[in-house]
Amino acid sequence: MDHQIYDAESRLPEILAAATVALLAGLLLWPPGAVYWTGVADALGDGATLALVSTLALVLGAWFARTSAFALVHIFVGSVIAYGLGMVAIESLLRPDSPAHLVWYAILLACLLGGAAIWRGVAWLSQRRRSTAPEGTL
């Protein structure tokens, strides 16, 4: 099969690149121990701030899916690896009192993957619409 998912030569590099991007996204969007969103939350409120960060994660996921053209499953696997590595690092280095970071970073991961999936879905629908449209209608 020539489909991207089954290309063994690209599988590992794509997964490692996706893990790197997901780890960096988590660090940039919600840096452990130094959350700069507290100032925004003071001005906008917690709900609006969490919505803003989640939206940024969605946009970042869509951007990554668009620019990388990686298989969605590779982005998923890389993101799960990044989540595991990040949570182990936070637990061992920062020793937080609460497990809230496990939930919050899982939500960020879901938003990142959601953005990638939405982008792929929109791109797929657009391509399908173009391929099934009668000639001269586009």
N, C-alpha and C. Protein backbone atom coordinates (compact mmCIF):
# COMPACT_ATOMS: atom_id res chain seq x y z
N MET A 1 0.84 -1.18 0.00
CA MET A 1 0.00 0.00 0.00
C MET A 1 0.88 1.24 0.00
N ASP A 2 0.50 2.20 -0.77
CA ASP A 2 1.28 3.43 -0.86
C ASP A 2 0.75 4.53 0.04
N HIS A 3 -0.26 4.23 0.82
CA HIS A 3 -0.83 5.26 1.68
C HIS A 3 0.18 5.66 2.75
N GLN A 4 0.13 6.91 3.15
CA GLN A 4 1.10 7.49 4.07
C GLN A 4 1.16 6.75 5.40
N ILE A 5 0.04 6.25 5.90
CA ILE A 5 0.01 5.56 7.19
C ILE A 5 0.91 4.34 7.16
N TYR A 6 0.99 3.66 6.04
CA TYR A 6 1.72 2.41 5.96
C TYR A 6 3.16 2.57 5.48
N ASP A 7 3.61 3.77 5.32
CA ASP A 7 4.97 4.03 4.90
C ASP A 7 5.90 3.90 6.10
N ALA A 8 6.58 2.76 6.20
CA ALA A 8 7.41 2.47 7.37
C ALA A 8 8.58 3.43 7.49
N GLU A 9 9.07 3.95 6.38
CA GLU A 9 10.21 4.87 6.43
C GLU A 9 9.85 6.21 7.04
N SER A 10 8.62 6.64 6.90
CA SER A 10 8.22 7.93 7.45
C SER A 10 7.57 7.80 8.83
N ARG A 11 7.20 6.62 9.23
CA ARG A 11 6.45 6.44 10.47
C ARG A 11 7.21 6.96 11.69
N LEU A 12 8.40 6.48 11.93
CA LEU A 12 9.14 6.88 13.12
C LEU A 12 9.53 8.36 13.11
N PRO A 13 10.06 8.89 12.02
CA PRO A 13 10.36 10.33 12.02
C PRO A 13 9.13 11.21 12.23
N GLU A 14 8.00 10.81 11.65
CA GLU A 14 6.77 11.59 11.84
C GLU A 14 6.31 11.53 13.29
N ILE A 15 6.38 10.36 13.90
CA ILE A 15 5.96 10.22 15.29
C ILE A 15 6.87 11.03 16.20
N LEU A 16 8.18 10.98 15.97
CA LEU A 16 9.11 11.74 16.79
C LEU A 16 8.93 13.25 16.60
N ALA A 17 8.71 13.68 15.37
CA ALA A 17 8.47 15.10 15.12
C ALA A 17 7.16 15.55 15.77
N ALA A 18 6.12 14.73 15.68
CA ALA A 18 4.84 15.06 16.30
C ALA A 18 4.98 15.11 17.82
N ALA A 19 5.75 14.19 18.39
CA ALA A 19 5.98 14.21 19.84
C ALA A 19 6.70 15.48 20.25
N THR A 20 7.67 15.88 19.48
CA THR A 20 8.42 17.11 19.77
C THR A 20 7.51 18.33 19.71
N VAL A 21 6.70 18.41 18.67
CA VAL A 21 5.79 19.56 18.53
C VAL A 21 4.77 19.56 19.67
N ALA A 22 4.21 18.41 20.00
CA ALA A 22 3.22 18.34 21.08
C ALA A 22 3.84 18.71 22.42
N LEU A 23 5.05 18.26 22.67
CA LEU A 23 5.72 18.60 23.93
C LEU A 23 6.00 20.10 24.01
N LEU A 24 6.49 20.66 22.91
CA LEU A 24 6.74 22.11 22.88
C LEU A 24 5.44 22.91 23.00
N ALA A 25 4.38 22.42 22.37
CA ALA A 25 3.09 23.11 22.46
C ALA A 25 2.60 23.14 23.91
N GLY A 26 2.72 22.02 24.59
CA GLY A 26 2.31 21.98 25.99
C GLY A 26 3.14 22.92 26.85
N LEU A 27 4.44 22.95 26.59
CA LEU A 27 5.32 23.85 27.36
C LEU A 27 5.03 25.31 27.07
N LEU A 28 4.73 25.63 25.82
CA LEU A 28 4.45 27.02 25.46
C LEU A 28 3.06 27.46 25.92
N LEU A 29 2.08 26.58 25.76
CA LEU A 29 0.71 26.95 26.10
C LEU A 29 0.47 26.98 27.62
N TRP A 30 1.11 26.09 28.34
CA TRP A 30 0.90 26.02 29.78
C TRP A 30 2.20 25.57 30.45
N PRO A 31 3.16 26.49 30.57
CA PRO A 31 4.45 26.11 31.14
C PRO A 31 4.32 25.67 32.60
N PRO A 32 4.80 24.49 32.93
CA PRO A 32 4.66 24.00 34.31
C PRO A 32 5.44 24.87 35.30
N GLY A 33 4.77 25.23 36.36
CA GLY A 33 5.43 25.99 37.42
C GLY A 33 5.55 27.48 37.15
N ALA A 34 5.28 27.93 35.94
CA ALA A 34 5.43 29.35 35.62
C ALA A 34 4.31 29.78 34.67
N VAL A 35 3.10 29.54 35.08
CA VAL A 35 1.96 29.80 34.21
C VAL A 35 1.73 31.30 34.09
N TYR A 36 1.98 31.83 32.90
CA TYR A 36 1.83 33.26 32.67
C TYR A 36 0.38 33.64 32.37
N TRP A 37 -0.50 32.69 32.31
CA TRP A 37 -1.91 32.97 32.05
C TRP A 37 -2.63 33.52 33.26
N THR A 38 -2.00 33.52 34.41
CA THR A 38 -2.67 34.03 35.61
C THR A 38 -3.02 35.50 35.47
N GLY A 39 -2.17 36.28 34.82
CA GLY A 39 -2.47 37.69 34.58
C GLY A 39 -3.67 37.87 33.67
N VAL A 40 -3.76 37.01 32.65
CA VAL A 40 -4.91 37.05 31.75
C VAL A 40 -6.17 36.63 32.49
N ALA A 41 -6.04 35.61 33.33
CA ALA A 41 -7.19 35.14 34.11
C ALA A 41 -7.68 36.20 35.08
N ASP A 42 -6.77 37.00 35.63
CA ASP A 42 -7.18 38.08 36.52
C ASP A 42 -8.03 39.10 35.77
N ALA A 43 -7.71 39.32 34.51
CA ALA A 43 -8.44 40.32 33.71
C ALA A 43 -9.70 39.76 33.08
N LEU A 44 -9.63 38.54 32.53
CA LEU A 44 -10.75 37.97 31.78
C LEU A 44 -11.59 36.97 32.57
N GLY A 45 -11.01 36.39 33.58
CA GLY A 45 -11.67 35.31 34.30
C GLY A 45 -11.10 33.96 33.89
N ASP A 46 -11.29 32.99 34.77
CA ASP A 46 -10.72 31.66 34.51
C ASP A 46 -11.32 30.99 33.29
N GLY A 47 -12.64 31.05 33.16
CA GLY A 47 -13.30 30.38 32.04
C GLY A 47 -12.85 30.90 30.69
N ALA A 48 -12.80 32.22 30.57
CA ALA A 48 -12.38 32.82 29.30
C ALA A 48 -10.92 32.51 29.00
N THR A 49 -10.09 32.48 30.03
CA THR A 49 -8.68 32.17 29.82
C THR A 49 -8.50 30.73 29.37
N LEU A 50 -9.20 29.80 30.01
CA LEU A 50 -9.11 28.40 29.60
C LEU A 50 -9.64 28.20 28.19
N ALA A 51 -10.69 28.94 27.84
CA ALA A 51 -11.21 28.86 26.47
C ALA A 51 -10.18 29.41 25.48
N LEU A 52 -9.50 30.47 25.83
CA LEU A 52 -8.47 31.05 24.97
C LEU A 52 -7.32 30.07 24.76
N VAL A 53 -6.84 29.46 25.82
CA VAL A 53 -5.72 28.52 25.71
C VAL A 53 -6.16 27.29 24.92
N SER A 54 -7.36 26.82 25.14
CA SER A 54 -7.87 25.66 24.39
C SER A 54 -7.99 25.99 22.91
N THR A 55 -8.46 27.19 22.61
CA THR A 55 -8.58 27.61 21.21
C THR A 55 -7.20 27.71 20.56
N LEU A 56 -6.23 28.23 21.30
CA LEU A 56 -4.87 28.29 20.77
C LEU A 56 -4.33 26.89 20.47
N ALA A 57 -4.65 25.93 21.35
CA ALA A 57 -4.21 24.55 21.12
C ALA A 57 -4.89 23.97 19.87
N LEU A 58 -6.18 24.27 19.68
CA LEU A 58 -6.88 23.83 18.47
C LEU A 58 -6.23 24.40 17.22
N VAL A 59 -5.95 25.68 17.25
CA VAL A 59 -5.33 26.36 16.10
C VAL A 59 -3.94 25.79 15.84
N LEU A 60 -3.20 25.55 16.89
CA LEU A 60 -1.85 24.99 16.74
C LEU A 60 -1.91 23.59 16.14
N GLY A 61 -2.87 22.78 16.58
CA GLY A 61 -3.04 21.45 16.01
C GLY A 61 -3.40 21.50 14.53
N ALA A 62 -4.30 22.41 14.18
CA ALA A 62 -4.68 22.56 12.77
C ALA A 62 -3.49 23.03 11.94
N TRP A 63 -2.75 23.99 12.48
CA TRP A 63 -1.56 24.48 11.77
C TRP A 63 -0.56 23.35 11.55
N PHE A 64 -0.32 22.54 12.57
CA PHE A 64 0.65 21.46 12.44
C PHE A 64 0.19 20.43 11.42
N ALA A 65 -1.09 20.07 11.44
CA ALA A 65 -1.60 19.10 10.46
C ALA A 65 -1.49 19.66 9.05
N ARG A 66 -1.75 20.96 8.91
CA ARG A 66 -1.70 21.59 7.59
C ARG A 66 -0.27 21.66 7.06
N THR A 67 0.65 22.09 7.89
CA THR A 67 2.01 22.31 7.41
C THR A 67 2.84 21.04 7.33
N SER A 68 2.55 20.07 8.17
CA SER A 68 3.38 18.86 8.17
C SER A 68 2.91 17.81 7.18
N ALA A 69 1.61 17.72 6.95
CA ALA A 69 1.01 16.67 6.11
C ALA A 69 1.34 15.28 6.64
N PHE A 70 1.57 15.17 7.95
CA PHE A 70 1.82 13.87 8.56
C PHE A 70 0.50 13.09 8.64
N ALA A 71 0.62 11.78 8.71
CA ALA A 71 -0.55 10.94 8.93
C ALA A 71 -1.14 11.29 10.30
N LEU A 72 -2.45 11.39 10.38
CA LEU A 72 -3.11 11.77 11.62
C LEU A 72 -2.79 10.78 12.74
N VAL A 73 -2.68 9.52 12.41
CA VAL A 73 -2.36 8.52 13.43
C VAL A 73 -0.96 8.76 13.99
N HIS A 74 -0.03 9.24 13.17
CA HIS A 74 1.31 9.53 13.66
C HIS A 74 1.31 10.74 14.59
N ILE A 75 0.48 11.73 14.27
CA ILE A 75 0.34 12.89 15.15
C ILE A 75 -0.25 12.44 16.49
N PHE A 76 -1.22 11.55 16.44
CA PHE A 76 -1.83 11.03 17.66
C PHE A 76 -0.82 10.27 18.52
N VAL A 77 -0.11 9.35 17.92
CA VAL A 77 0.86 8.55 18.68
C VAL A 77 1.96 9.44 19.25
N GLY A 78 2.47 10.36 18.46
CA GLY A 78 3.49 11.28 18.94
C GLY A 78 2.99 12.14 20.09
N SER A 79 1.75 12.58 20.00
CA SER A 79 1.18 13.41 21.07
C SER A 79 1.01 12.62 22.36
N VAL A 80 0.60 11.38 22.24
CA VAL A 80 0.46 10.53 23.44
C VAL A 80 1.82 10.28 24.08
N ILE A 81 2.83 10.07 23.27
CA ILE A 81 4.19 9.90 23.79
C ILE A 81 4.64 11.17 24.50
N ALA A 82 4.39 12.33 23.89
CA ALA A 82 4.75 13.61 24.50
C ALA A 82 4.03 13.80 25.82
N TYR A 83 2.75 13.45 25.87
CA TYR A 83 1.98 13.57 27.11
C TYR A 83 2.62 12.72 28.21
N GLY A 84 2.93 11.48 27.89
CA GLY A 84 3.54 10.59 28.88
C GLY A 84 4.88 11.12 29.37
N LEU A 85 5.73 11.55 28.45
CA LEU A 85 7.03 12.10 28.85
C LEU A 85 6.88 13.36 29.68
N GLY A 86 5.96 14.23 29.26
CA GLY A 86 5.74 15.47 30.00
C GLY A 86 5.22 15.23 31.40
N MET A 87 4.30 14.30 31.55
CA MET A 87 3.74 14.03 32.88
C MET A 87 4.76 13.38 33.80
N VAL A 88 5.58 12.51 33.25
CA VAL A 88 6.66 11.92 34.06
C VAL A 88 7.63 13.01 34.49
N ALA A 89 7.98 13.90 33.59
CA ALA A 89 8.90 14.99 33.92
C ALA A 89 8.31 15.90 34.99
N ILE A 90 7.05 16.27 34.85
CA ILE A 90 6.42 17.15 35.85
C ILE A 90 6.36 16.45 37.20
N GLU A 91 5.96 15.19 37.21
CA GLU A 91 5.86 14.45 38.48
C GLU A 91 7.22 14.33 39.15
N SER A 92 8.25 14.03 38.38
CA SER A 92 9.56 13.79 39.00
C SER A 92 10.31 15.08 39.33
N LEU A 93 10.15 16.12 38.51
CA LEU A 93 10.90 17.35 38.74
C LEU A 93 10.18 18.35 39.64
N LEU A 94 8.88 18.49 39.47
CA LEU A 94 8.15 19.50 40.22
C LEU A 94 7.38 18.95 41.42
N ARG A 95 7.09 17.67 41.41
CA ARG A 95 6.35 17.01 42.48
C ARG A 95 5.12 17.84 42.91
N PRO A 96 4.16 18.02 42.01
CA PRO A 96 3.00 18.85 42.33
C PRO A 96 2.14 18.22 43.43
N ASP A 97 1.43 19.10 44.16
CA ASP A 97 0.56 18.64 45.25
C ASP A 97 -0.75 18.06 44.72
N SER A 98 -1.13 18.47 43.54
CA SER A 98 -2.42 18.09 42.96
C SER A 98 -2.21 17.40 41.62
N PRO A 99 -3.11 16.49 41.27
CA PRO A 99 -3.01 15.85 39.94
C PRO A 99 -3.68 16.65 38.83
N ALA A 100 -3.95 17.92 39.08
CA ALA A 100 -4.66 18.74 38.09
C ALA A 100 -3.90 18.83 36.77
N HIS A 101 -2.58 18.80 36.83
CA HIS A 101 -1.79 18.88 35.59
C HIS A 101 -2.08 17.71 34.67
N LEU A 102 -2.39 16.55 35.23
CA LEU A 102 -2.70 15.39 34.39
C LEU A 102 -3.95 15.66 33.54
N VAL A 103 -4.94 16.26 34.15
CA VAL A 103 -6.19 16.57 33.45
C VAL A 103 -5.98 17.72 32.47
N TRP A 104 -5.34 18.80 32.92
CA TRP A 104 -5.21 19.98 32.07
C TRP A 104 -4.38 19.68 30.83
N TYR A 105 -3.26 18.96 30.98
CA TYR A 105 -2.45 18.65 29.80
C TYR A 105 -3.17 17.64 28.89
N ALA A 106 -4.00 16.78 29.46
CA ALA A 106 -4.81 15.88 28.63
C ALA A 106 -5.81 16.68 27.81
N ILE A 107 -6.39 17.73 28.41
CA ILE A 107 -7.31 18.59 27.67
C ILE A 107 -6.56 19.32 26.56
N LEU A 108 -5.37 19.83 26.87
CA LEU A 108 -4.57 20.50 25.83
C LEU A 108 -4.24 19.53 24.69
N LEU A 109 -3.90 18.30 25.04
CA LEU A 109 -3.61 17.28 24.04
C LEU A 109 -4.84 17.02 23.18
N ALA A 110 -6.00 16.90 23.82
CA ALA A 110 -7.24 16.66 23.08
C ALA A 110 -7.53 17.83 22.13
N CYS A 111 -7.30 19.05 22.58
CA CYS A 111 -7.52 20.22 21.72
C CYS A 111 -6.54 20.23 20.56
N LEU A 112 -5.29 19.92 20.83
CA LEU A 112 -4.28 19.87 19.77
C LEU A 112 -4.66 18.83 18.72
N LEU A 113 -5.03 17.64 19.18
CA LEU A 113 -5.44 16.58 18.26
C LEU A 113 -6.75 16.92 17.57
N GLY A 114 -7.65 17.57 18.30
CA GLY A 114 -8.91 17.99 17.70
C GLY A 114 -8.69 18.97 16.56
N GLY A 115 -7.78 19.91 16.76
CA GLY A 115 -7.46 20.86 15.70
C GLY A 115 -6.89 20.17 14.48
N ALA A 116 -6.01 19.20 14.71
CA ALA A 116 -5.43 18.44 13.58
C ALA A 116 -6.51 17.65 12.86
N ALA A 117 -7.40 17.02 13.62
CA ALA A 117 -8.47 16.23 13.01
C ALA A 117 -9.46 17.11 12.26
N ILE A 118 -9.79 18.25 12.82
CA ILE A 118 -10.71 19.18 12.14
C ILE A 118 -10.09 19.64 10.83
N TRP A 119 -8.81 20.01 10.87
CA TRP A 119 -8.16 20.45 9.64
C TRP A 119 -8.19 19.35 8.59
N ARG A 120 -7.86 18.14 8.99
CA ARG A 120 -7.87 17.03 8.04
C ARG A 120 -9.27 16.77 7.50
N GLY A 121 -10.27 16.87 8.36
CA GLY A 121 -11.64 16.67 7.91
C GLY A 121 -12.08 17.72 6.91
N VAL A 122 -11.76 18.96 7.19
CA VAL A 122 -12.11 20.05 6.28
C VAL A 122 -11.37 19.88 4.95
N ALA A 123 -10.09 19.53 5.02
CA ALA A 123 -9.31 19.32 3.80
C ALA A 123 -9.88 18.16 2.99
N TRP A 124 -10.27 17.10 3.67
CA TRP A 124 -10.83 15.93 2.99
C TRP A 124 -12.15 16.28 2.32
N LEU A 125 -13.02 17.00 3.05
CA LEU A 125 -14.30 17.41 2.46
C LEU A 125 -14.10 18.32 1.26
N SER A 126 -13.17 19.23 1.37
CA SER A 126 -12.89 20.15 0.27
C SER A 126 -12.39 19.39 -0.95
N GLN A 127 -11.49 18.45 -0.73
CA GLN A 127 -10.96 17.65 -1.84
C GLN A 127 -12.06 16.79 -2.45
N ARG A 128 -12.89 16.23 -1.62
CA ARG A 128 -13.97 15.38 -2.11
C ARG A 128 -14.98 16.21 -2.92
N ARG A 129 -15.28 17.40 -2.42
CA ARG A 129 -16.21 18.27 -3.12
C ARG A 129 -15.67 18.64 -4.50
N ARG A 130 -14.36 18.94 -4.56
CA ARG A 130 -13.75 19.28 -5.85
C ARG A 130 -13.74 18.10 -6.81
N SER A 131 -13.51 16.90 -6.28
CA SER A 131 -13.42 15.73 -7.16
C SER A 131 -14.78 15.25 -7.64
N THR A 132 -15.85 15.57 -6.91
CA THR A 132 -17.18 15.12 -7.32
C THR A 132 -17.99 16.21 -7.98
N ALA A 133 -17.50 17.44 -8.00
CA ALA A 133 -18.25 18.54 -8.62
C ALA A 133 -18.20 18.41 -10.14
N PRO A 134 -19.32 18.71 -10.77
CA PRO A 134 -19.30 18.70 -12.25
C PRO A 134 -18.33 19.76 -12.76
N GLU A 135 -17.74 19.49 -13.91
CA GLU A 135 -16.78 20.43 -14.48
C GLU A 135 -17.41 21.79 -14.72
N GLY A 136 -16.66 22.82 -14.42
CA GLY A 136 -17.09 24.18 -14.66
C GLY A 136 -17.89 24.79 -13.51
N THR A 137 -18.15 24.02 -12.41
CA THR A 137 -18.93 24.57 -11.31
C THR A 137 -18.06 25.23 -10.27
N LEU A 138 -16.77 24.98 -10.27
CA LEU A 138 -15.91 25.59 -9.26
C LEU A 138 -15.26 26.79 -9.76
